[in-house]
């Protein structure tokens, strides 16, 4: 019995696992694809009569597979064209949108034009009517290319006052009081004025300072002074030491720089700024006065800079032991006014008298600058003067106090309160109407070894002017602190 060749060939047909193509076994044993490069050949069936052509199922399947590949390629090409078209449309829409946004300011309709109304006339026909455009009195928010045929009219002022303050003054004053009146400031300005005020400004607070002198003379007094510095009240603006801090009982004992440094270290324990003026013991009572003054200057010149404060202190250009500052409507002077051996020889008396006279001229220049109006010869009623010196004044100090007395009487008209504060005598003393001047007082501190610092208070200028019968006597007050 003859075997059908087609059945044998069908068994050799397999499918390509990569492309899904059917492969046919060739007569040489190789598998070849039955794709477009290998067209299907007709087979002669030995069992069928005649030469009729017959297509096997395997060949039909290969033909369908190739057709599917072609359709898939066509679909891919169609999707690509669709994507490109979509992107082009989006770009065009974006351009249109940007153009519309840029043109919006010029396309915005007039807010005062009413839209057209559609009115039915009864015959079923709609009649379109548009109201006339009204002219606005407010300016347009958008610029126009051509000038307006009907320019905007100015806005009339409101009858009601504005809730917000105006940045410009009115053309004419109003008759109604302001709801928020301006409050005048009582504090002085931080910047200087180009023209002087009619009355000087002042600090309306009480000034307090403490004063000591004639201490320490011995080692035990150094310990006591250190304790007083630590216990000193901090309500004072400063502390003044009016000189003498070493013993001069034996004039042959040379001055030791260690004594100056010891006192410096002790005073530095104070919590408030400390000023100091020379005493005769540490200067002219030294066997070598020049060396004694050099020690003093090295230890105490600009001593107040060791504390943080706002006082603007000036020092004399020749004698740096002399200082000046203005504080709360009061002028303060620290001077080299001493007694002692410097007055023994005539040459020393002449030299020191010259120095005293020059110190007065320096004090006078500062008073003229801060208190006296030279053009009118008038003085400020809100100013006071305090002078610190060591010596109890005697005739050998006339070179300073005589011209001062004349200046107070003739220029200051005996109307500016003045306090001279000194040590030297080792006991407390208060002398009003000093040298016959009702405006001058002299206050002498206790011996610092046995007594606490003297507390001095200056009343505010306006308080003494408004509530005191005697401005000159009530400006200065003091407390000996004996209960402290």
Protein backbone atom coordinates (compact mmCIF):
# COMPACT_ATOMS: atom_id res chain seq x y z
CA UNK A 1 0.00 0.00 0.00
CA UNK A 2 1.42 3.34 -1.04
CA UNK A 3 2.01 5.91 1.70
CA UNK A 4 0.71 9.43 1.18
CA UNK A 5 3.61 11.86 0.74
CA UNK A 6 1.69 14.74 2.15
CA UNK A 7 1.21 12.98 5.39
CA UNK A 8 4.93 12.39 5.60
CA UNK A 9 5.73 15.97 4.78
CA UNK A 10 3.19 17.29 7.23
CA UNK A 11 4.98 15.52 10.02
CA UNK A 12 8.17 17.39 9.17
CA UNK A 13 6.54 20.81 9.38
CA UNK A 14 7.47 22.79 12.52
CA UNK A 15 7.11 26.42 13.67
CA UNK A 16 9.93 28.92 14.08
CA UNK A 17 9.92 29.92 17.75
CA UNK A 18 11.14 33.45 16.94
CA UNK A 19 9.05 34.60 13.99
CA UNK A 20 6.15 32.13 14.26
CA UNK A 21 6.79 31.04 10.65
CA UNK A 22 6.21 27.48 9.53
CA UNK A 23 9.25 25.69 8.22
CA UNK A 24 9.25 22.83 5.76
CA UNK A 25 11.85 20.08 5.53
CA UNK A 26 13.62 20.13 2.22
CA UNK A 27 14.75 17.08 0.41
CA UNK A 28 18.27 17.69 1.69
CA UNK A 29 17.18 17.61 5.30
CA UNK A 30 17.35 21.42 5.83
CA UNK A 31 14.47 23.44 7.15
CA UNK A 32 13.55 26.41 5.01
CA UNK A 33 10.90 29.02 5.64
CA UNK A 34 7.80 29.00 3.59
CA UNK A 35 7.63 32.77 3.52
CA UNK A 36 7.55 35.16 0.58
CA UNK A 37 11.02 34.02 -0.57
CA UNK A 38 9.75 30.42 -0.86
CA UNK A 39 6.38 30.43 -2.53
CA UNK A 40 4.12 27.49 -2.05
CA UNK A 41 4.56 24.93 -4.80
CA UNK A 42 1.65 22.74 -5.97
CA UNK A 43 1.89 19.03 -5.25
CA UNK A 44 0.65 16.15 -7.36
CA UNK A 45 -1.38 13.69 -5.38
CA UNK A 46 -0.74 10.17 -6.65
CA UNK A 47 -4.08 9.01 -5.31
CA UNK A 48 -6.01 11.77 -7.15
CA UNK A 49 -6.72 11.42 -10.82
CA UNK A 50 -5.51 14.05 -13.26
CA UNK A 51 -3.17 17.03 -12.66
CA UNK A 52 -5.39 18.99 -10.26
CA UNK A 53 -3.51 21.35 -7.87
CA UNK A 54 -3.95 20.80 -4.14
CA UNK A 55 -2.88 23.19 -1.24
CA UNK A 56 -2.06 21.57 2.05
CA UNK A 57 -3.21 22.99 5.43
CA UNK A 58 0.39 23.84 6.32
CA UNK A 59 0.75 26.04 3.29
CA UNK A 60 -2.50 27.83 4.01
CA UNK A 61 -1.38 28.58 7.57
CA UNK A 62 1.95 30.08 6.38
CA UNK A 63 0.11 32.36 3.99
CA UNK A 64 -2.20 33.70 6.72
CA UNK A 65 0.77 34.36 9.01
CA UNK A 66 2.54 36.52 6.41
CA UNK A 67 -0.63 38.51 5.85
CA UNK A 68 -0.91 39.26 9.57
CA UNK A 69 2.66 40.67 9.60
CA UNK A 70 1.82 43.02 6.80
CA UNK A 71 -1.31 44.28 8.52
CA UNK A 72 0.64 44.89 11.76
CA UNK A 73 3.22 47.05 9.94
CA UNK A 74 0.47 49.11 8.38
CA UNK A 75 -1.14 49.68 11.80
CA UNK A 76 2.16 50.86 13.27
CA UNK A 77 2.61 53.39 10.51
CA UNK A 78 -0.91 54.67 11.15
CA UNK A 79 -0.26 55.21 14.89
CA UNK A 80 2.91 57.14 14.18
CA UNK A 81 1.10 59.49 11.85
CA UNK A 82 -1.64 59.99 14.45
CA UNK A 83 0.85 60.89 17.18
CA UNK A 84 2.64 63.41 14.96
CA UNK A 85 -0.66 65.01 14.02
CA UNK A 86 -1.71 65.27 17.69
CA UNK A 87 1.57 66.97 18.65
CA UNK A 88 1.19 69.48 15.84
CA UNK A 89 -2.37 70.30 16.98
CA UNK A 90 -1.20 70.86 20.57
CA UNK A 91 1.55 73.23 19.42
CA UNK A 92 -0.95 75.25 17.37
CA UNK A 93 -3.36 75.44 20.32
CA UNK A 94 -0.57 76.64 22.61
CA UNK A 95 0.37 79.41 20.18
CA UNK A 96 -3.26 80.52 19.97
CA UNK A 97 -3.62 80.52 23.78
CA UNK A 98 -0.48 82.64 24.30
CA UNK A 99 -1.62 85.12 21.68
CA UNK A 100 -5.02 85.39 23.34
CA UNK A 101 -3.47 86.06 26.76
CA UNK A 102 -1.24 88.79 25.35
CA UNK A 103 -4.19 90.41 23.57
CA UNK A 104 -6.56 90.31 26.56
CA UNK A 105 -5.80 93.89 27.76
CA UNK A 106 -6.85 95.21 24.36
CA UNK A 107 -9.88 92.93 23.96
CA UNK A 108 -11.50 93.54 27.38
CA UNK A 109 -14.96 95.06 26.84
CA UNK A 110 -15.99 98.32 28.42
CA UNK A 111 -17.54 97.64 31.81
CA UNK A 112 -20.13 100.35 31.20
CA UNK A 113 -21.51 98.78 27.96
CA UNK A 114 -24.58 96.63 28.63
CA UNK A 115 -24.99 93.40 26.61
CA UNK A 116 -27.56 93.12 23.79
CA UNK A 117 -31.04 91.97 24.81
CA UNK A 118 -33.24 89.67 22.69
CA UNK A 119 -36.88 90.79 22.77
CA UNK A 120 -39.72 88.77 21.30
CA UNK A 121 -41.98 91.03 19.18
CA UNK A 122 -44.97 88.70 19.42
CA UNK A 123 -44.54 87.32 15.92
CA UNK A 124 -42.02 84.76 17.02
CA UNK A 125 -39.12 86.88 15.80
CA UNK A 126 -36.41 87.97 18.15
CA UNK A 127 -35.43 91.64 17.96
CA UNK A 128 -31.91 92.44 19.19
CA UNK A 129 -31.47 95.77 20.99
CA UNK A 130 -28.29 97.23 22.48
CA UNK A 131 -28.19 100.04 25.03
CA UNK A 132 -25.94 103.00 24.36
CA UNK A 133 -22.47 103.09 25.89
CA UNK A 134 -22.18 105.49 28.83
CA UNK A 135 -19.08 107.59 29.47
CA UNK A 136 -17.15 106.68 32.62
CA UNK A 137 -15.72 109.38 34.90
CA UNK A 138 -12.98 107.12 36.25
CA UNK A 139 -9.76 106.70 34.26
CA UNK A 140 -9.21 103.43 32.40
CA UNK A 141 -6.91 100.87 33.88
CA UNK A 142 -5.57 100.01 30.41
CA UNK A 143 -3.66 102.37 28.10
CA UNK A 144 -5.14 103.27 24.73
CA UNK A 145 -3.25 103.67 21.48
CA UNK A 146 -5.22 106.76 20.42
CA UNK A 147 -6.37 109.60 22.68
CA UNK A 148 -9.92 109.37 24.01
CA UNK A 149 -12.63 111.44 22.32
CA UNK A 150 -14.28 111.93 25.72
CA UNK A 151 -11.53 112.50 28.32
CA UNK A 152 -12.16 111.49 31.93
CA UNK A 153 -13.58 114.16 34.18
CA UNK A 154 -11.85 114.95 37.49
CA UNK A 155 -13.28 113.21 40.52
CA UNK A 156 -15.07 115.59 42.85
CA UNK A 157 -13.89 115.64 46.51
CA UNK A 158 -15.80 113.57 49.02
CA UNK A 159 -18.00 115.20 51.67
CA UNK A 160 -16.83 112.64 54.24
CA UNK A 161 -13.36 112.81 55.81
CA UNK A 162 -10.95 110.02 55.02
CA UNK A 163 -10.06 107.43 57.66
CA UNK A 164 -6.43 107.52 56.54
CA UNK A 165 -4.07 110.44 57.28
CA UNK A 166 -3.02 112.61 54.37
CA UNK A 167 0.62 112.71 53.30
CA UNK A 168 0.32 116.39 52.32
CA UNK A 169 -0.99 119.37 54.28
CA UNK A 170 -4.39 120.77 53.34
CA UNK A 171 -4.64 124.00 51.38
CA UNK A 172 -6.64 125.58 54.20
CA UNK A 173 -7.03 124.68 57.88
CA UNK A 174 -9.98 122.64 59.05
CA UNK A 175 -12.46 123.75 61.69
CA UNK A 176 -12.75 120.32 63.30
CA UNK A 177 -10.29 118.86 65.78
CA UNK A 178 -8.30 115.83 64.68
CA UNK A 179 -9.29 112.42 66.02
CA UNK A 180 -5.59 111.58 66.40
CA UNK A 181 -3.75 114.71 67.54
CA UNK A 182 0.02 114.80 67.26
CA UNK A 183 1.78 114.09 70.56
CA UNK A 184 4.93 116.09 71.14
CA UNK A 185 7.96 114.04 72.15
CA UNK A 186 9.73 114.90 75.39
CA UNK A 187 12.98 113.13 74.53
CA UNK A 188 15.74 115.02 72.71
CA UNK A 189 16.58 114.13 69.14
CA UNK A 190 19.62 111.99 68.37
CA UNK A 191 20.85 114.28 65.58
CA UNK A 192 22.20 117.77 66.08
CA UNK A 193 20.17 120.80 65.01
CA UNK A 194 21.47 123.40 62.58
CA UNK A 195 19.97 126.20 64.66
CA UNK A 196 19.92 126.53 68.47
CA UNK A 197 16.67 125.99 70.37
CA UNK A 198 15.04 128.80 72.32
CA UNK A 199 15.62 126.85 75.54
CA UNK A 200 18.14 124.03 76.17
CA UNK A 201 17.07 120.43 76.59
CA UNK A 202 17.71 118.63 79.88
CA UNK A 203 17.37 115.29 81.56
CA UNK A 204 14.58 115.55 84.14
CA UNK A 205 16.02 112.92 86.50
CA UNK A 206 17.95 113.19 89.76
CA UNK A 207 21.73 112.79 89.53
CA UNK A 208 23.52 110.81 92.24
CA UNK A 209 27.26 110.40 92.79
CA UNK A 210 29.46 109.35 95.71
CA UNK A 211 32.60 111.04 97.07
CA UNK A 212 35.51 109.88 99.27
CA UNK A 213 38.95 111.23 100.09
CA UNK A 214 42.07 111.01 102.31
CA UNK A 215 42.18 107.20 102.20
CA UNK A 216 44.04 104.85 102.48
CA UNK A 217 47.09 105.87 104.52
CA UNK A 218 47.90 102.45 106.03
CA UNK A 219 47.73 98.80 104.99
CA UNK A 220 44.67 98.13 107.17
CA UNK A 221 42.87 101.03 105.49
CA UNK A 222 43.49 99.44 102.11
CA UNK A 223 41.50 96.42 103.29
CA UNK A 224 38.70 98.66 104.59
CA UNK A 225 38.60 100.68 101.35
CA UNK A 226 38.33 97.51 99.27
CA UNK A 227 35.35 96.44 101.37
CA UNK A 228 33.65 99.83 100.86
CA UNK A 229 34.15 99.56 97.10
CA UNK A 230 32.43 96.18 97.04
CA UNK A 231 29.52 97.52 99.16
CA UNK A 232 29.15 100.83 97.27
CA UNK A 233 25.51 101.33 96.10
CA UNK A 234 25.06 101.10 92.38
CA UNK A 235 22.44 103.85 92.14
CA UNK A 236 25.19 106.42 91.62
CA UNK A 237 26.35 107.61 88.20
CA UNK A 238 29.99 107.64 89.37
CA UNK A 239 32.38 107.87 92.34
CA UNK A 240 34.93 110.67 92.88
CA UNK A 241 38.08 110.29 95.02
CA UNK A 242 39.31 113.81 95.95
CA UNK A 243 42.93 112.79 96.60
CA UNK A 244 45.45 111.79 99.28
CA UNK A 245 45.98 108.02 99.50
CA UNK A 246 49.45 107.69 101.11
CA UNK A 247 51.00 108.95 104.34
CA UNK A 248 53.34 111.96 104.16
CA UNK A 249 54.14 112.09 107.88
CA UNK A 250 57.81 111.50 107.09
CA UNK A 251 58.76 113.63 104.06
CA UNK A 252 62.03 111.73 103.66
CA UNK A 253 60.24 108.50 102.72
CA UNK A 254 60.19 108.30 98.96
CA UNK A 255 56.94 107.70 97.08
CA UNK A 256 56.58 104.07 96.00
CA UNK A 257 54.86 103.22 92.75
CA UNK A 258 53.41 100.17 94.54
CA UNK A 259 51.17 102.46 96.63
CA UNK A 260 49.68 103.95 93.44
CA UNK A 261 49.11 100.51 91.94
CA UNK A 262 47.53 99.19 95.16
CA UNK A 263 44.98 102.02 95.23
CA UNK A 264 44.29 101.56 91.53
CA UNK A 265 43.55 97.86 92.08
CA UNK A 266 41.23 98.65 95.02
CA UNK A 267 39.23 101.32 93.15
CA UNK A 268 38.76 98.96 90.23
CA UNK A 269 36.51 96.86 92.47
CA UNK A 270 33.83 99.55 92.21
CA UNK A 271 30.79 98.65 90.11
CA UNK A 272 30.34 102.28 88.95
CA UNK A 273 32.91 104.48 87.12
CA UNK A 274 35.57 106.10 89.32
CA UNK A 275 37.26 109.49 88.88
CA UNK A 276 40.19 110.70 90.97
CA UNK A 277 42.09 114.00 91.36
CA UNK A 278 45.61 114.39 92.84
CA UNK A 279 46.24 115.06 96.52
CA UNK A 280 49.37 116.72 97.85
CA UNK A 281 50.55 113.52 99.58
CA UNK A 282 51.05 111.65 96.31
CA UNK A 283 52.53 114.58 94.40
CA UNK A 284 54.23 117.62 95.93
CA UNK A 285 54.79 115.99 99.34
CA UNK A 286 56.96 113.35 97.71
CA UNK A 287 60.78 113.90 98.05
CA UNK A 288 60.74 113.98 94.24
CA UNK A 289 57.46 115.72 93.20
CA UNK A 290 58.11 115.21 89.48
CA UNK A 291 58.46 111.46 90.01
CA UNK A 292 55.35 111.44 92.21
CA UNK A 293 53.24 113.12 89.50
CA UNK A 294 54.60 110.75 86.83
CA UNK A 295 53.51 107.81 89.02
CA UNK A 296 50.06 109.36 89.42
CA UNK A 297 49.56 110.01 85.70
CA UNK A 298 50.66 106.48 84.80
CA UNK A 299 48.27 104.90 87.29
CA UNK A 300 45.17 107.16 87.05
CA UNK A 301 45.12 109.20 83.84
CA UNK A 302 41.85 108.39 82.01
CA UNK A 303 41.09 105.96 84.84
CA UNK A 304 37.34 106.12 84.09
CA UNK A 305 37.88 104.20 80.83
CA UNK A 306 38.05 100.99 82.83
CA UNK A 307 34.22 101.07 83.04
CA UNK A 308 31.55 101.08 80.38
CA UNK A 309 29.60 104.35 80.51
CA UNK A 310 28.23 107.11 78.27
CA UNK A 311 30.13 110.05 79.79
CA UNK A 312 32.08 112.09 77.23
CA UNK A 313 35.21 112.99 79.20
CA UNK A 314 37.76 115.59 78.07
CA UNK A 315 41.29 115.88 79.47
CA UNK A 316 43.45 119.03 79.66
CA UNK A 317 46.08 119.09 76.91
CA UNK A 318 48.91 120.07 79.35
CA UNK A 319 47.76 118.61 82.67
CA UNK A 320 46.05 115.27 81.99
CA UNK A 321 45.00 114.99 85.65
CA UNK A 322 42.37 117.68 84.93
CA UNK A 323 39.10 116.43 83.40
CA UNK A 324 35.72 117.78 82.28
CA UNK A 325 32.39 116.29 81.22
CA UNK A 326 28.75 117.37 80.93
CA UNK A 327 26.04 115.13 82.34
CA UNK A 328 22.31 115.76 82.92
CA UNK A 329 22.47 119.56 82.61
CA UNK A 330 25.51 119.82 84.89
CA UNK A 331 29.18 120.57 84.12
CA UNK A 332 31.76 118.58 86.11
CA UNK A 333 35.42 119.61 86.55
CA UNK A 334 38.24 117.67 88.24
CA UNK A 335 41.24 119.94 88.98
CA UNK A 336 44.73 119.84 90.40
CA UNK A 337 44.04 121.94 93.52
CA UNK A 338 46.38 120.84 96.31
CA UNK A 339 48.08 122.25 99.40
CA UNK A 340 51.29 121.19 101.04
CA UNK A 341 54.96 121.81 100.50
CA UNK A 342 54.60 123.22 96.99
CA UNK A 343 53.81 126.59 98.57
CA UNK A 344 56.95 126.81 100.72
CA UNK A 345 59.39 128.44 98.31
CA UNK A 346 58.60 131.64 96.40
CA UNK A 347 59.53 130.03 93.06
CA UNK A 348 57.10 127.20 93.63
CA UNK A 349 54.38 129.64 94.62
CA UNK A 350 54.79 131.59 91.39
CA UNK A 351 54.83 128.49 89.22
CA UNK A 352 51.77 126.98 90.87
CA UNK A 353 49.89 130.32 90.78
CA UNK A 354 50.41 130.38 87.03
CA UNK A 355 49.03 126.86 86.78
CA UNK A 356 46.00 127.79 88.91
CA UNK A 357 45.28 130.81 86.71
CA UNK A 358 45.45 128.66 83.56
CA UNK A 359 43.11 126.12 85.12
CA UNK A 360 40.57 128.88 85.74
CA UNK A 361 40.79 129.97 82.09
CA UNK A 362 40.12 126.38 81.02
CA UNK A 363 37.06 126.14 83.32
CA UNK A 364 35.77 129.51 82.08
CA UNK A 365 36.06 128.45 78.43
CA UNK A 366 33.93 125.36 79.08
CA UNK A 367 31.29 127.35 80.95
CA UNK A 368 31.15 129.92 78.16
CA UNK A 369 30.74 127.10 75.66
CA UNK A 370 27.95 125.26 77.46
CA UNK A 371 26.10 127.79 79.63
CA UNK A 372 26.74 131.41 78.65
CA UNK A 373 25.26 132.99 75.53
CA UNK A 374 28.09 135.41 74.71
CA UNK A 375 26.00 137.42 72.24
CA UNK A 376 23.38 138.34 74.85
CA UNK A 377 25.44 137.82 78.05
CA UNK A 378 22.62 135.62 79.36
CA UNK A 379 22.94 132.30 81.16
CA UNK A 380 20.93 129.09 81.07
CA UNK A 381 18.63 128.57 84.05
CA UNK A 382 18.83 124.78 83.63
CA UNK A 383 22.58 124.32 84.18
CA UNK A 384 24.68 123.59 87.26
CA UNK A 385 28.44 123.35 87.93
CA UNK A 386 30.39 120.96 90.19
CA UNK A 387 34.17 121.39 90.79
CA UNK A 388 36.28 118.64 92.41
CA UNK A 389 39.59 119.48 94.10
CA UNK A 390 41.61 118.20 97.03
CA UNK A 391 42.57 121.36 98.86
CA UNK A 392 40.67 123.33 101.45
CA UNK A 393 40.98 126.78 99.80
CA UNK A 394 43.37 129.24 101.44
CA UNK A 395 45.05 132.42 100.26
CA UNK A 396 47.60 130.48 98.21
CA UNK A 397 44.71 129.28 95.99
CA UNK A 398 43.50 132.82 95.23
CA UNK A 399 44.94 132.60 91.72
CA UNK A 400 42.05 130.28 90.94
CA UNK A 401 39.24 131.32 93.28
CA UNK A 402 39.54 135.11 92.91
CA UNK A 403 38.92 135.21 89.15
CA UNK A 404 36.25 132.54 89.58
CA UNK A 405 34.47 134.69 92.16
CA UNK A 406 34.50 137.69 89.83
CA UNK A 407 33.29 135.62 86.88
CA UNK A 408 30.37 134.20 88.90
CA UNK A 409 29.28 137.64 90.01
CA UNK A 410 29.70 139.57 86.75
CA UNK A 411 29.04 137.01 84.01
CA UNK A 412 26.91 134.33 85.65
CA UNK A 413 25.14 137.01 87.71
CA UNK A 414 25.28 134.74 90.74
CA UNK A 415 22.38 132.71 89.25
CA UNK A 416 24.02 129.40 88.28
CA UNK A 417 24.24 126.88 91.18
CA UNK A 418 27.89 125.88 91.84
CA UNK A 419 29.29 123.27 94.22
CA UNK A 420 32.97 123.00 95.18
CA UNK A 421 33.71 119.58 96.76
CA UNK A 422 37.04 118.99 98.54
CA UNK A 423 38.88 116.84 101.10
CA UNK A 424 42.15 117.69 102.89
CA UNK A 425 40.89 118.51 106.41
CA UNK A 426 39.67 114.99 107.33
CA UNK A 427 36.28 116.09 108.65
CA UNK A 428 32.84 116.84 107.22
CA UNK A 429 31.91 120.48 106.57
CA UNK A 430 29.21 122.25 104.57
CA UNK A 431 29.49 125.95 103.73
CA UNK A 432 26.69 127.68 101.78
CA UNK A 433 27.07 131.17 100.28
CA UNK A 434 30.76 130.47 99.82
CA UNK A 435 32.87 133.62 99.40
CA UNK A 436 29.73 135.70 99.80
CA UNK A 437 28.10 134.21 96.67
CA UNK A 438 24.57 132.90 97.13
CA UNK A 439 24.96 130.55 94.14
CA UNK A 440 28.15 128.84 95.43
CA UNK A 441 28.40 126.09 98.08
CA UNK A 442 31.42 124.25 99.45
CA UNK A 443 31.15 120.64 100.68
CA UNK A 444 34.01 118.83 102.45
CA UNK A 445 34.07 115.01 102.67
CA UNK A 446 34.71 113.00 105.84
CA UNK A 447 37.98 111.23 106.46
CA UNK A 448 37.51 108.12 104.37
CA UNK A 449 39.16 105.84 106.93
CA UNK A 450 36.35 106.02 109.49
CA UNK A 451 33.34 107.20 107.45
CA UNK A 452 31.40 105.85 104.46
CA UNK A 453 31.37 107.67 101.11
CA UNK A 454 29.35 110.88 100.94
CA UNK A 455 26.21 110.66 98.79
CA UNK A 456 25.54 113.81 96.72
CA UNK A 457 22.27 114.41 94.86
CA UNK A 458 21.38 117.00 92.20
CA UNK A 459 17.67 117.73 91.81
CA UNK A 460 16.22 117.92 88.28
CA UNK A 461 16.29 121.50 86.94
CA UNK A 462 12.52 121.73 86.34
CA UNK A 463 11.82 120.40 89.83
CA UNK A 464 13.87 123.14 91.48
CA UNK A 465 12.39 125.78 89.19
CA UNK A 466 8.76 124.76 89.76
CA UNK A 467 8.66 123.59 93.37
CA UNK A 468 11.41 125.41 95.20
CA UNK A 469 11.49 128.87 96.75
CA UNK A 470 15.28 128.93 96.60
CA UNK A 471 16.57 127.33 93.44
CA UNK A 472 20.23 127.92 94.31
CA UNK A 473 20.13 126.31 97.75
CA UNK A 474 17.84 123.38 96.82
CA UNK A 475 19.74 122.23 93.75
CA UNK A 476 22.34 120.25 95.74
CA UNK A 477 21.68 117.93 98.66
CA UNK A 478 23.81 115.27 100.34
CA UNK A 479 23.64 112.31 102.73
CA UNK A 480 26.56 111.33 104.96
CA UNK A 481 25.40 107.68 104.94
CA UNK A 482 26.28 107.29 108.62
CA UNK A 483 23.63 104.61 109.05
CA UNK A 484 24.93 102.52 106.15
